[in-house]
Structure formats: structure tokens, C-alpha cells
Amino acid sequence: MTLAEKLLKDFEKLPEDKKRQVIDFVEFLNNKHQNELATAMDDIIRENKEALLELAK
């Protein structure tokens, strides 16, 4: 059984209010991941600003 199959199987057993909590948590994790990626990109840009400006010429 894959992780996705196990998750769906276990999810289906939950009452509706708990399903909502699971969905909220997954959305939280996705947002956190996106914020971490954005922060990493901002750091890369800041650390390489001069080189990027030179390449943009």
C-alpha cells in the first residue's frame, strides 16, 4: 500500500470535523513549504544581486 492509499483509507474513517482538521493541516504545510521556497529564493537573489544585475545588462 502506498502512502497516498494509506492516507486516503485512514482519512475516510475520520468524522467530518476531523477531516476538516486534516485538510487545514495539509494546507498549512503547503503554505509553509511555499514560504520556505520563497525565502530561499529571496536569499539567493540578495546574495547574488551584483552578479544578477550584471547578467541583466
PDB file of N, CA and C in Angstrom:
ATOM      1  N   MET A   1       0.849  -1.176   0.000  1.00  0.00           N
ATOM      2  CA  MET A   1       0.000   0.000   0.000  1.00  0.00           C
ATOM      3  C   MET A   1       0.896   1.241   0.000  1.00  0.00           C
ATOM      4  N   THR A   2       0.611   2.173  -0.896  1.00  0.00           N
ATOM      5  CA  THR A   2       1.387   3.408  -0.961  1.00  0.00           C
ATOM      6  C   THR A   2       0.973   4.342   0.178  1.00  0.00           C
ATOM      7  N   LEU A   3       1.780   5.344   0.404  1.00  0.00           N
ATOM      8  CA  LEU A   3       1.440   6.335   1.426  1.00  0.00           C
ATOM      9  C   LEU A   3       0.117   7.029   1.103  1.00  0.00           C
ATOM     10  N   ALA A   4      -0.087   7.351  -0.159  1.00  0.00           N
ATOM     11  CA  ALA A   4      -1.327   8.018  -0.560  1.00  0.00           C
ATOM     12  C   ALA A   4      -2.536   7.120  -0.310  1.00  0.00           C
ATOM     13  N   GLU A   5      -2.405   5.841  -0.624  1.00  0.00           N
ATOM     14  CA  GLU A   5      -3.508   4.909  -0.387  1.00  0.00           C
ATOM     15  C   GLU A   5      -3.814   4.778   1.103  1.00  0.00           C
ATOM     16  N   LYS A   6      -2.761   4.703   1.921  1.00  0.00           N
ATOM     17  CA  LYS A   6      -2.961   4.606   3.369  1.00  0.00           C
ATOM     18  C   LYS A   6      -3.623   5.872   3.900  1.00  0.00           C
ATOM     19  N   LEU A   7      -3.159   7.004   3.440  1.00  0.00           N
ATOM     20  CA  LEU A   7      -3.738   8.276   3.873  1.00  0.00           C
ATOM     21  C   LEU A   7      -5.221   8.346   3.526  1.00  0.00           C
ATOM     22  N   LEU A   8      -5.565   8.000   2.302  1.00  0.00           N
ATOM     23  CA  LEU A   8      -6.971   8.038   1.890  1.00  0.00           C
ATOM     24  C   LEU A   8      -7.826   7.054   2.686  1.00  0.00           C
ATOM     25  N   LYS A   9      -7.278   5.873   2.924  1.00  0.00           N
ATOM     26  CA  LYS A   9      -8.003   4.854   3.691  1.00  0.00           C
ATOM     27  C   LYS A   9      -8.273   5.357   5.111  1.00  0.00           C
ATOM     28  N   ASP A  10      -7.241   5.880   5.759  1.00  0.00           N
ATOM     29  CA  ASP A  10      -7.390   6.392   7.120  1.00  0.00           C
ATOM     30  C   ASP A  10      -8.266   7.642   7.155  1.00  0.00           C
ATOM     31  N   PHE A  11      -8.118   8.490   6.160  1.00  0.00           N
ATOM     32  CA  PHE A  11      -8.903   9.730   6.084  1.00  0.00           C
ATOM     33  C   PHE A  11     -10.395   9.428   6.007  1.00  0.00           C
ATOM     34  N   GLU A  12     -10.747   8.457   5.200  1.00  0.00           N
ATOM     35  CA  GLU A  12     -12.162   8.106   5.020  1.00  0.00           C
ATOM     36  C   GLU A  12     -12.815   7.631   6.318  1.00  0.00           C
ATOM     37  N   LYS A  13     -12.042   7.115   7.244  1.00  0.00           N
ATOM     38  CA  LYS A  13     -12.583   6.619   8.513  1.00  0.00           C
ATOM     39  C   LYS A  13     -12.885   7.748   9.504  1.00  0.00           C
ATOM     40  N   LEU A  14     -12.348   8.921   9.251  1.00  0.00           N
ATOM     41  CA  LEU A  14     -12.496  10.030  10.195  1.00  0.00           C
ATOM     42  C   LEU A  14     -13.875  10.673  10.120  1.00  0.00           C
ATOM     43  N   PRO A  15     -14.330  11.232  11.246  1.00  0.00           N
ATOM     44  CA  PRO A  15     -15.559  12.039  11.197  1.00  0.00           C
ATOM     45  C   PRO A  15     -15.272  13.343  10.436  1.00  0.00           C
ATOM     46  N   GLU A  16     -16.329  13.986   9.963  1.00  0.00           N
ATOM     47  CA  GLU A  16     -16.180  15.171   9.112  1.00  0.00           C
ATOM     48  C   GLU A  16     -15.347  16.278   9.765  1.00  0.00           C
ATOM     49  N   ASP A  17     -15.529  16.525  11.058  1.00  0.00           N
ATOM     50  CA  ASP A  17     -14.773  17.602  11.700  1.00  0.00           C
ATOM     51  C   ASP A  17     -13.276  17.292  11.722  1.00  0.00           C
ATOM     52  N   LYS A  18     -12.926  16.041  11.877  1.00  0.00           N
ATOM     53  CA  LYS A  18     -11.512  15.649  11.862  1.00  0.00           C
ATOM     54  C   LYS A  18     -10.948  15.726  10.440  1.00  0.00           C
ATOM     55  N   LYS A  19     -11.767  15.399   9.446  1.00  0.00           N
ATOM     56  CA  LYS A  19     -11.331  15.544   8.056  1.00  0.00           C
ATOM     57  C   LYS A  19     -10.976  16.995   7.768  1.00  0.00           C
ATOM     58  N   ARG A  20     -11.796  17.918   8.285  1.00  0.00           N
ATOM     59  CA  ARG A  20     -11.532  19.348   8.076  1.00  0.00           C
ATOM     60  C   ARG A  20     -10.198  19.729   8.706  1.00  0.00           C
ATOM     61  N   GLN A  21      -9.903  19.179   9.891  1.00  0.00           N
ATOM     62  CA  GLN A  21      -8.629  19.462  10.551  1.00  0.00           C
ATOM     63  C   GLN A  21      -7.452  18.932   9.733  1.00  0.00           C
ATOM     64  N   VAL A  22      -7.618  17.762   9.157  1.00  0.00           N
ATOM     65  CA  VAL A  22      -6.557  17.195   8.316  1.00  0.00           C
ATOM     66  C   VAL A  22      -6.321  18.093   7.108  1.00  0.00           C
ATOM     67  N   ILE A  23      -7.391  18.514   6.463  1.00  0.00           N
ATOM     68  CA  ILE A  23      -7.270  19.390   5.295  1.00  0.00           C
ATOM     69  C   ILE A  23      -6.598  20.702   5.681  1.00  0.00           C
ATOM     70  N   ASP A  24      -7.002  21.279   6.801  1.00  0.00           N
ATOM     71  CA  ASP A  24      -6.378  22.519   7.269  1.00  0.00           C
ATOM     72  C   ASP A  24      -4.885  22.335   7.510  1.00  0.00           C
ATOM     73  N   PHE A  25      -4.525  21.196   8.100  1.00  0.00           N
ATOM     74  CA  PHE A  25      -3.116  20.936   8.376  1.00  0.00           C
ATOM     75  C   PHE A  25      -2.317  20.778   7.091  1.00  0.00           C
ATOM     76  N   VAL A  26      -2.872  20.062   6.125  1.00  0.00           N
ATOM     77  CA  VAL A  26      -2.185  19.887   4.838  1.00  0.00           C
ATOM     78  C   VAL A  26      -2.002  21.247   4.158  1.00  0.00           C
ATOM     79  N   GLU A  27      -3.015  22.093   4.201  1.00  0.00           N
ATOM     80  CA  GLU A  27      -2.894  23.433   3.622  1.00  0.00           C
ATOM     81  C   GLU A  27      -1.826  24.240   4.351  1.00  0.00           C
ATOM     82  N   PHE A  28      -1.773  24.125   5.679  1.00  0.00           N
ATOM     83  CA  PHE A  28      -0.737  24.798   6.459  1.00  0.00           C
ATOM     84  C   PHE A  28       0.651  24.342   6.011  1.00  0.00           C
ATOM     85  N   LEU A  29       0.840  23.033   5.870  1.00  0.00           N
ATOM     86  CA  LEU A  29       2.146  22.507   5.457  1.00  0.00           C
ATOM     87  C   LEU A  29       2.519  22.990   4.053  1.00  0.00           C
ATOM     88  N   ASN A  30       1.550  23.013   3.152  1.00  0.00           N
ATOM     89  CA  ASN A  30       1.828  23.505   1.801  1.00  0.00           C
ATOM     90  C   ASN A  30       2.215  24.974   1.811  1.00  0.00           C
ATOM     91  N   ASN A  31       1.507  25.782   2.580  1.00  0.00           N
ATOM     92  CA  ASN A  31       1.837  27.205   2.676  1.00  0.00           C
ATOM     93  C   ASN A  31       3.211  27.407   3.286  1.00  0.00           C
ATOM     94  N   LYS A  32       3.514  26.635   4.316  1.00  0.00           N
ATOM     95  CA  LYS A  32       4.829  26.724   4.960  1.00  0.00           C
ATOM     96  C   LYS A  32       5.929  26.391   3.961  1.00  0.00           C
ATOM     97  N   HIS A  33       5.714  25.346   3.190  1.00  0.00           N
ATOM     98  CA  HIS A  33       6.700  24.937   2.185  1.00  0.00           C
ATOM     99  C   HIS A  33       6.890  26.036   1.140  1.00  0.00           C
ATOM    100  N   GLN A  34       5.806  26.619   0.676  1.00  0.00           N
ATOM    101  CA  GLN A  34       5.897  27.697  -0.309  1.00  0.00           C
ATOM    102  C   GLN A  34       6.642  28.900   0.261  1.00  0.00           C
ATOM    103  N   ASN A  35       6.380  29.229   1.515  1.00  0.00           N
ATOM    104  CA  ASN A  35       7.077  30.344   2.157  1.00  0.00           C
ATOM    105  C   ASN A  35       8.562  30.061   2.289  1.00  0.00           C
ATOM    106  N   GLU A  36       8.912  28.821   2.607  1.00  0.00           N
ATOM    107  CA  GLU A  36      10.325  28.446   2.716  1.00  0.00           C
ATOM    108  C   GLU A  36      11.020  28.560   1.365  1.00  0.00           C
ATOM    109  N   LEU A  37      10.339  28.150   0.294  1.00  0.00           N
ATOM    110  CA  LEU A  37      10.911  28.275  -1.050  1.00  0.00           C
ATOM    111  C   LEU A  37      11.103  29.737  -1.423  1.00  0.00           C
ATOM    112  N   ALA A  38      10.105  30.559  -1.119  1.00  0.00           N
ATOM    113  CA  ALA A  38      10.187  31.988  -1.432  1.00  0.00           C
ATOM    114  C   ALA A  38      11.329  32.638  -0.661  1.00  0.00           C
ATOM    115  N   THR A  39      11.477  32.287   0.590  1.00  0.00           N
ATOM    116  CA  THR A  39      12.560  32.833   1.410  1.00  0.00           C
ATOM    117  C   THR A  39      13.915  32.410   0.854  1.00  0.00           C
ATOM    118  N   ALA A  40      14.025  31.152   0.452  1.00  0.00           N
ATOM    119  CA  ALA A  40      15.280  30.663  -0.122  1.00  0.00           C
ATOM    120  C   ALA A  40      15.614  31.417  -1.408  1.00  0.00           C
ATOM    121  N   MET A  41      14.619  31.650  -2.242  1.00  0.00           N
ATOM    122  CA  MET A  41      14.858  32.393  -3.482  1.00  0.00           C
ATOM    123  C   MET A  41      15.251  33.837  -3.188  1.00  0.00           C
ATOM    124  N   ASP A  42      14.596  34.446  -2.216  1.00  0.00           N
ATOM    125  CA  ASP A  42      14.961  35.815  -1.822  1.00  0.00           C
ATOM    126  C   ASP A  42      16.412  35.864  -1.342  1.00  0.00           C
ATOM    127  N   ASP A  43      16.824  34.871  -0.568  1.00  0.00           N
ATOM    128  CA  ASP A  43      18.204  34.812  -0.086  1.00  0.00           C
ATOM    129  C   ASP A  43      19.186  34.677  -1.242  1.00  0.00           C
ATOM    130  N   ILE A  44      18.864  33.808  -2.183  1.00  0.00           N
ATOM    131  CA  ILE A  44      19.743  33.611  -3.346  1.00  0.00           C
ATOM    132  C   ILE A  44      19.862  34.898  -4.141  1.00  0.00           C
ATOM    133  N   ILE A  45      18.748  35.561  -4.357  1.00  0.00           N
ATOM    134  CA  ILE A  45      18.775  36.816  -5.113  1.00  0.00           C
ATOM    135  C   ILE A  45      19.580  37.874  -4.371  1.00  0.00           C
ATOM    136  N   ARG A  46      19.352  38.008  -3.061  1.00  0.00           N
ATOM    137  CA  ARG A  46      20.064  39.007  -2.272  1.00  0.00           C
ATOM    138  C   ARG A  46      21.573  38.720  -2.263  1.00  0.00           C
ATOM    139  N   GLU A  47      21.934  37.465  -2.106  1.00  0.00           N
ATOM    140  CA  GLU A  47      23.344  37.094  -2.040  1.00  0.00           C
ATOM    141  C   GLU A  47      24.050  37.233  -3.392  1.00  0.00           C
ATOM    142  N   ASN A  48      23.297  37.221  -4.473  1.00  0.00           N
ATOM    143  CA  ASN A  48      23.888  37.264  -5.811  1.00  0.00           C
ATOM    144  C   ASN A  48      23.416  38.471  -6.606  1.00  0.00           C
ATOM    145  N   LYS A  49      23.011  39.528  -5.909  1.00  0.00           N
ATOM    146  CA  LYS A  49      22.418  40.692  -6.561  1.00  0.00           C
ATOM    147  C   LYS A  49      23.333  41.286  -7.628  1.00  0.00           C
ATOM    148  N   GLU A  50      24.587  41.509  -7.283  1.00  0.00           N
ATOM    149  CA  GLU A  50      25.510  42.119  -8.249  1.00  0.00           C
ATOM    150  C   GLU A  50      25.675  41.260  -9.494  1.00  0.00           C
ATOM    151  N   ALA A  51      25.835  39.966  -9.322  1.00  0.00           N
ATOM    152  CA  ALA A  51      26.006  39.076 -10.474  1.00  0.00           C
ATOM    153  C   ALA A  51      24.732  39.059 -11.327  1.00  0.00           C
ATOM    154  N   LEU A  52      23.579  39.066 -10.689  1.00  0.00           N
ATOM    155  CA  LEU A  52      22.328  39.068 -11.448  1.00  0.00           C
ATOM    156  C   LEU A  52      22.134  40.373 -12.207  1.00  0.00           C
ATOM    157  N   LEU A  53      22.507  41.489 -11.583  1.00  0.00           N
ATOM    158  CA  LEU A  53      22.426  42.777 -12.278  1.00  0.00           C
ATOM    159  C   LEU A  53      23.358  42.802 -13.467  1.00  0.00           C
ATOM    160  N   GLU A  54      24.525  42.234 -13.327  1.00  0.00           N
ATOM    161  CA  GLU A  54      25.491  42.181 -14.437  1.00  0.00           C
ATOM    162  C   GLU A  54      24.947  41.312 -15.571  1.00  0.00           C
ATOM    163  N   LEU A  55      24.328  40.197 -15.239  1.00  0.00           N
ATOM    164  CA  LEU A  55      23.756  39.331 -16.263  1.00  0.00           C
ATOM    165  C   LEU A  55      22.572  39.995 -16.972  1.00  0.00           C
ATOM    166  N   ALA A  56      21.895  40.880 -16.287  1.00  0.00           N
ATOM    167  CA  ALA A  56      20.716  41.535 -16.859  1.00  0.00           C
ATOM    168  C   ALA A  56      21.077  42.589 -17.894  1.00  0.00           C
ATOM    169  N   LYS A  57      22.345  42.984 -17.961  1.00  0.00           N
ATOM    170  CA  LYS A  57      22.787  44.034 -18.918  1.00  0.00           C
ATOM    171  C   LYS A  57      22.740  43.521 -20.336  1.00  0.00           C
TER     172      LYS A  57
END
